[in-house]
Amino acid sequence: MTRILVAGAAGEVGRAVVSSLLDRAAEVRVLVHSTPVDGGERVRGDLGDPGSIARALIDCEAACFITPHHADEERLGRNFVDACEAARLRRLVYVSAYHPLSRSRVVQRLLDTLIGFVGPHYRAKLRVERRVRGTTLSPVALCPTNFYQNDELALPEILAGLYPNPMGDKAVSRVDTRDIGDAAARALLDDVEEGAYPVVGPQPWTSDQTAAAWSEALGTPVSYAGDDIERWRRSVGARMPAAKATDFAKTYRVIQRFGIPASARAIARTTALLGRPPRDFKSYVREQVERLQHARAS
């Protein structure tokens, strides 16, 4: 059985990766610093400690990692890649961020430079992705858009009738983190061609449409709270670590300006990678409302 190391397993995406791997009966080892993680063999370590990464990789054939919201994100990512190269893994999977993809290395470098100019907070992640794709470890980079699950941070406001996540009036092809987990599991366990893959939802959503979806599922009015990012930081942003809130705020500024509408090709590539269509947003919202109703009834 293939033993797989997952680093960054305590976060939303990391938990989804671990869950998908366990659903497929994979042998999972998780590298954790302090936060407990359900499932898998837990090994204590830190991306800032190359020795702990090397020890965690012993007897592993493949690995998946997500870099944290951290000022040293690039260094931490490079530490992990270096250790994976030394361990001579069969496959390395990195969960990056959504950005335009090209088969030409020259064009890709130009696109990455442009994205780094528009969103400087993406630069470290893109550099780590480029480092991953430059290895001989049959590398796969997953490039997801904004997550459906980000709305769970905003449930108090949504239940009060306001959708607070300031995405503006540009459409965003958001994605379910469970699809990211399933995509990672496919890449780690199946014969998936190396390269970079978009991981997107089946259709784009504006903030007003998102609020309307919640309103329909709840059966109560929900309206978009507006584009004020500082207002968001004082409410939803205050419930997350400061570095994460800062990155979210920067991302919302990019989304308000450009949106993230996925192309038909990106949706087709996501579907092919998953082996099924990606989960749709309305179904996710209905699941959350049913969960809330069940919690209230019990």
Protein backbone atom coordinates (compact mmCIF):
# COMPACT_ATOMS: atom_id res chain seq x y z
CA MET A 1 0.00 0.00 0.00
CA THR A 2 1.23 3.50 -0.87
CA ARG A 3 2.08 5.62 2.18
CA ILE A 4 1.41 9.31 1.57
CA LEU A 5 2.54 12.28 3.63
CA VAL A 6 0.19 15.27 3.83
CA ALA A 7 1.63 18.56 5.11
CA GLY A 8 -0.78 21.36 5.95
CA ALA A 9 -3.35 18.78 7.00
CA ALA A 10 -4.88 20.96 9.73
CA GLY A 11 -6.36 23.47 7.27
CA GLU A 12 -9.61 23.28 5.32
CA VAL A 13 -7.97 21.90 2.18
CA GLY A 14 -5.56 19.62 4.03
CA ARG A 15 -8.41 18.00 5.94
CA ALA A 16 -10.25 17.43 2.67
CA VAL A 17 -7.16 15.78 1.16
CA VAL A 18 -6.75 13.47 4.16
CA SER A 19 -10.46 12.58 4.11
CA SER A 20 -10.41 11.74 0.40
CA LEU A 21 -7.29 9.60 0.78
CA LEU A 22 -8.77 7.71 3.73
CA ASP A 23 -11.99 7.14 1.77
CA ARG A 24 -9.83 5.37 -0.78
CA ALA A 25 -8.13 3.26 1.90
CA ALA A 26 -4.76 4.95 1.44
CA GLU A 27 -2.13 4.81 4.18
CA VAL A 28 -1.88 8.44 5.30
CA ARG A 29 0.72 10.16 7.44
CA VAL A 30 0.13 13.77 8.47
CA LEU A 31 2.82 16.29 9.37
CA VAL A 32 1.44 18.44 12.18
CA HIS A 33 2.93 21.24 14.24
CA SER A 34 0.38 21.54 17.03
CA THR A 35 -3.21 21.41 15.72
CA PRO A 36 -4.80 17.94 16.09
CA VAL A 37 -5.89 16.25 12.85
CA ASP A 38 -8.47 13.48 12.56
CA GLY A 39 -7.27 10.41 10.71
CA GLY A 40 -3.90 9.19 9.57
CA GLU A 41 -0.64 8.59 11.39
CA ARG A 42 0.39 11.82 13.09
CA VAL A 43 4.03 12.89 12.96
CA ARG A 44 5.08 16.07 14.72
CA GLY A 45 7.11 18.45 12.62
CA ASP A 46 7.32 21.86 11.02
CA LEU A 47 7.94 23.13 7.50
CA GLY A 48 10.55 25.40 9.03
CA ASP A 49 12.49 22.36 10.27
CA PRO A 50 13.92 20.40 7.30
CA GLY A 51 15.01 17.56 9.58
CA SER A 52 11.47 16.94 10.78
CA ILE A 53 10.23 16.87 7.17
CA ALA A 54 12.90 14.31 6.24
CA ARG A 55 11.91 12.10 9.17
CA ALA A 56 8.22 12.35 8.27
CA LEU A 57 8.98 11.26 4.69
CA ILE A 58 10.68 8.01 5.70
CA ASP A 59 8.95 5.09 3.91
CA CYS A 60 6.59 7.44 2.03
CA GLU A 61 6.14 7.10 -1.74
CA ALA A 62 4.23 10.32 -2.37
CA ALA A 63 3.37 13.60 -0.67
CA CYS A 64 0.92 16.47 -0.87
CA PHE A 65 1.42 19.86 0.72
CA ILE A 66 -0.28 23.19 1.18
CA THR A 67 1.85 26.17 2.16
CA PRO A 68 0.54 28.33 5.03
CA HIS A 69 -0.38 32.01 5.16
CA HIS A 70 3.07 33.01 6.38
CA ALA A 71 5.65 35.69 5.66
CA ASP A 72 8.16 32.91 4.87
CA GLU A 73 5.77 30.90 2.68
CA GLU A 74 8.30 30.48 -0.14
CA ARG A 75 11.09 29.28 2.15
CA LEU A 76 8.76 26.84 3.90
CA GLY A 77 7.58 25.48 0.58
CA ARG A 78 11.12 25.08 -0.72
CA ASN A 79 12.08 23.22 2.46
CA PHE A 80 9.37 20.68 1.75
CA VAL A 81 10.25 20.28 -1.93
CA ASP A 82 13.95 19.86 -1.13
CA ALA A 83 13.14 17.11 1.37
CA CYS A 84 10.86 15.35 -1.12
CA GLU A 85 13.62 15.39 -3.73
CA ALA A 86 16.08 13.92 -1.23
CA ALA A 87 13.53 11.18 -0.42
CA ARG A 88 13.10 10.42 -4.16
CA LEU A 89 9.33 10.28 -4.02
CA ARG A 90 7.25 8.75 -6.78
CA ARG A 91 4.93 11.79 -6.87
CA LEU A 92 4.66 15.27 -5.37
CA VAL A 93 1.37 17.20 -5.32
CA TYR A 94 1.15 20.89 -4.41
CA VAL A 95 -2.07 22.78 -3.81
CA SER A 96 -1.36 26.21 -5.28
CA ALA A 97 -3.84 28.94 -6.27
CA TYR A 98 -5.88 29.59 -9.39
CA HIS A 99 -4.11 31.47 -12.15
CA PRO A 100 -3.90 31.33 -15.96
CA LEU A 101 -2.05 28.26 -17.22
CA SER A 102 -0.01 27.79 -20.38
CA ARG A 103 1.84 24.81 -21.85
CA SER A 104 4.68 27.16 -22.82
CA ARG A 105 7.20 27.78 -20.02
CA VAL A 106 8.03 31.20 -21.41
CA VAL A 107 4.37 32.24 -21.59
CA GLN A 108 3.76 30.77 -18.13
CA ARG A 109 6.59 32.81 -16.66
CA LEU A 110 5.11 35.96 -18.23
CA LEU A 111 1.66 35.11 -16.88
CA ASP A 112 3.07 34.47 -13.41
CA THR A 113 4.86 37.82 -13.50
CA LEU A 114 1.60 39.54 -14.42
CA ILE A 115 -0.31 37.76 -11.65
CA GLY A 116 2.43 38.71 -9.18
CA PHE A 117 2.11 42.34 -10.24
CA VAL A 118 -1.69 42.34 -9.83
CA GLY A 119 -1.61 40.30 -6.61
CA PRO A 120 1.82 40.47 -4.91
CA HIS A 121 0.66 38.08 -2.18
CA TYR A 122 0.49 35.32 -4.84
CA ARG A 123 4.19 35.57 -5.71
CA ALA A 124 5.47 33.15 -3.07
CA LYS A 125 2.88 30.53 -3.94
CA LEU A 126 3.65 30.80 -7.66
CA ARG A 127 7.39 30.49 -7.01
CA VAL A 128 6.80 27.37 -4.92
CA GLU A 129 4.62 25.98 -7.70
CA ARG A 130 7.37 26.65 -10.24
CA ARG A 131 9.87 24.89 -7.95
CA VAL A 132 7.53 21.89 -7.66
CA ARG A 133 6.98 21.66 -11.40
CA GLY A 134 10.74 21.77 -11.95
CA THR A 135 11.33 18.55 -10.02
CA THR A 136 11.56 15.02 -11.43
CA LEU A 137 8.97 13.75 -8.93
CA SER A 138 6.13 13.45 -11.46
CA PRO A 139 4.80 16.73 -10.03
CA VAL A 140 1.18 17.85 -10.04
CA ALA A 141 0.08 21.38 -9.11
CA LEU A 142 -3.59 21.89 -8.28
CA CYS A 143 -4.83 25.44 -8.84
CA PRO A 144 -8.17 25.98 -7.06
CA THR A 145 -10.32 29.08 -7.00
CA ASN A 146 -12.06 30.63 -3.97
CA PHE A 147 -13.66 27.99 -1.73
CA TYR A 148 -17.38 27.45 -1.06
CA GLN A 149 -16.36 26.65 2.52
CA ASN A 150 -15.17 30.22 3.08
CA ASP A 151 -18.84 31.03 3.58
CA GLU A 152 -18.87 28.95 6.76
CA LEU A 153 -16.73 31.61 8.42
CA ALA A 154 -19.52 34.07 7.65
CA LEU A 155 -22.51 32.03 8.85
CA PRO A 156 -23.38 34.38 11.75
CA GLU A 157 -23.80 37.26 9.29
CA ILE A 158 -25.58 35.12 6.69
CA LEU A 159 -28.09 33.87 9.26
CA ALA A 160 -28.65 37.50 10.27
CA GLY A 161 -29.56 38.35 6.66
CA LEU A 162 -26.30 39.71 5.22
CA TYR A 163 -23.77 38.03 2.95
CA PRO A 164 -20.51 39.72 4.04
CA ASN A 165 -17.75 38.24 1.87
CA PRO A 166 -16.81 41.23 -0.35
CA MET A 167 -16.42 39.65 -3.79
CA GLY A 168 -18.07 42.51 -5.66
CA ASP A 169 -20.06 42.23 -8.87
CA LYS A 170 -17.52 40.20 -10.86
CA ALA A 171 -18.25 36.49 -11.25
CA VAL A 172 -16.12 33.89 -9.45
CA SER A 173 -16.09 30.17 -10.31
CA ARG A 174 -15.76 29.03 -6.71
CA VAL A 175 -15.02 25.42 -5.79
CA ASP A 176 -15.82 22.92 -3.04
CA THR A 177 -12.77 21.97 -0.96
CA ARG A 178 -13.94 18.34 -1.13
CA ASP A 179 -13.29 18.50 -4.86
CA ILE A 180 -9.77 19.72 -4.16
CA GLY A 181 -9.33 16.77 -1.80
CA ASP A 182 -10.66 14.34 -4.40
CA ALA A 183 -8.43 15.85 -7.10
CA ALA A 184 -5.39 15.46 -4.85
CA ALA A 185 -6.31 11.85 -4.06
CA ARG A 186 -6.65 11.09 -7.77
CA ALA A 187 -3.26 12.67 -8.46
CA LEU A 188 -1.61 10.77 -5.61
CA LEU A 189 -3.13 7.35 -6.21
CA ASP A 190 -4.01 7.12 -9.90
CA ASP A 191 -2.10 7.38 -13.16
CA VAL A 192 -2.61 11.13 -13.63
CA GLU A 193 -0.33 12.97 -16.03
CA GLU A 194 2.06 15.40 -14.37
CA GLY A 195 1.44 19.12 -14.78
CA ALA A 196 -0.77 21.93 -13.47
CA TYR A 197 -4.54 21.54 -13.25
CA PRO A 198 -7.27 24.10 -12.58
CA VAL A 199 -9.75 23.01 -9.90
CA VAL A 200 -12.92 25.07 -10.35
CA GLY A 201 -16.65 24.94 -9.81
CA PRO A 202 -19.16 24.34 -12.62
CA GLN A 203 -20.39 27.93 -12.86
CA PRO A 204 -19.43 31.48 -11.81
CA TRP A 205 -21.22 33.39 -9.05
CA THR A 206 -21.49 37.08 -8.21
CA SER A 207 -21.95 38.25 -4.63
CA ASP A 208 -25.62 39.07 -5.25
CA GLN A 209 -26.21 35.62 -6.74
CA THR A 210 -24.42 34.03 -3.80
CA ALA A 211 -26.62 35.90 -1.33
CA ALA A 212 -29.70 34.83 -3.31
CA ALA A 213 -28.64 31.17 -3.13
CA TRP A 214 -28.38 31.38 0.65
CA SER A 215 -31.71 33.21 0.83
CA GLU A 216 -33.42 30.51 -1.23
CA ALA A 217 -32.04 27.68 0.89
CA LEU A 218 -32.77 29.38 4.22
CA GLY A 219 -36.18 30.67 3.20
CA THR A 220 -35.30 34.08 4.65
CA PRO A 221 -33.97 37.27 3.01
CA VAL A 222 -30.20 37.48 2.58
CA SER A 223 -28.66 40.46 0.79
CA TYR A 224 -25.09 41.32 -0.17
CA ALA A 225 -23.44 43.55 2.45
CA GLY A 226 -21.36 45.45 -0.11
CA ASP A 227 -17.75 45.80 -1.18
CA ASP A 228 -16.29 47.29 2.02
CA ILE A 229 -13.30 45.05 2.74
CA GLU A 230 -12.39 46.81 5.99
CA ARG A 231 -15.88 46.13 7.29
CA TRP A 232 -15.34 42.45 6.44
CA ARG A 233 -12.01 42.50 8.31
CA ARG A 234 -13.70 43.82 11.45
CA SER A 235 -16.28 41.01 11.40
CA VAL A 236 -15.43 37.79 9.55
CA GLY A 237 -11.73 38.61 9.29
CA ALA A 238 -11.48 39.02 13.05
CA ARG A 239 -12.30 35.31 13.45
CA MET A 240 -9.19 34.09 11.63
CA PRO A 241 -5.44 34.49 12.16
CA ALA A 242 -4.20 37.95 11.20
CA ALA A 243 -1.96 36.75 8.35
CA LYS A 244 -4.81 34.76 6.84
CA ALA A 245 -7.20 37.70 7.11
CA THR A 246 -4.66 39.94 5.39
CA ASP A 247 -4.27 37.49 2.50
CA PHE A 248 -8.04 37.12 2.20
CA ALA A 249 -8.45 40.90 2.07
CA LYS A 250 -5.84 41.16 -0.68
CA THR A 251 -7.56 38.38 -2.62
CA TYR A 252 -10.94 40.11 -2.33
CA ARG A 253 -9.40 43.26 -3.81
CA VAL A 254 -8.22 41.24 -6.81
CA ILE A 255 -11.60 39.52 -7.13
CA GLN A 256 -13.48 42.84 -6.99
CA ARG A 257 -11.32 44.14 -9.81
CA PHE A 258 -11.13 41.12 -12.11
CA GLY A 259 -13.37 38.30 -10.89
CA ILE A 260 -12.30 34.67 -11.42
CA PRO A 261 -14.55 33.28 -14.16
CA ALA A 262 -13.30 29.86 -15.20
CA SER A 263 -13.15 29.03 -18.88
CA ALA A 264 -14.97 26.07 -20.43
CA ARG A 265 -11.57 24.41 -20.81
CA ALA A 266 -10.80 24.85 -17.10
CA ILE A 267 -14.13 23.28 -16.17
CA ALA A 268 -13.51 20.42 -18.61
CA ARG A 269 -10.04 19.78 -17.17
CA THR A 270 -11.43 19.80 -13.63
CA THR A 271 -14.14 17.35 -14.67
CA ALA A 272 -11.60 15.06 -16.34
CA LEU A 273 -9.32 15.11 -13.29
CA LEU A 274 -12.17 14.32 -10.90
CA GLY A 275 -13.78 11.76 -13.20
CA ARG A 276 -17.10 13.54 -12.62
CA PRO A 277 -18.50 17.09 -12.70
CA PRO A 278 -17.41 19.34 -9.83
CA ARG A 279 -19.92 19.92 -7.02
CA ASP A 280 -22.27 22.84 -7.59
CA PHE A 281 -22.66 25.73 -5.15
CA LYS A 282 -26.41 25.44 -4.57
CA SER A 283 -26.01 21.82 -3.47
CA TYR A 284 -23.30 22.88 -1.04
CA VAL A 285 -25.53 25.62 0.40
CA ARG A 286 -28.44 23.19 0.83
CA GLU A 287 -26.14 20.77 2.67
CA GLN A 288 -25.06 23.53 5.05
CA VAL A 289 -28.64 24.61 5.75
CA GLU A 290 -29.67 20.99 6.40
CA ARG A 291 -26.73 20.61 8.78
CA LEU A 292 -27.74 23.77 10.65
CA GLN A 293 -31.35 22.63 10.89
CA HIS A 294 -30.27 19.23 12.18
CA ALA A 295 -28.02 20.85 14.79
CA ARG A 296 -30.87 23.06 15.99
CA ALA A 297 -33.24 20.08 16.24
CA SER A 298 -30.84 17.93 18.27
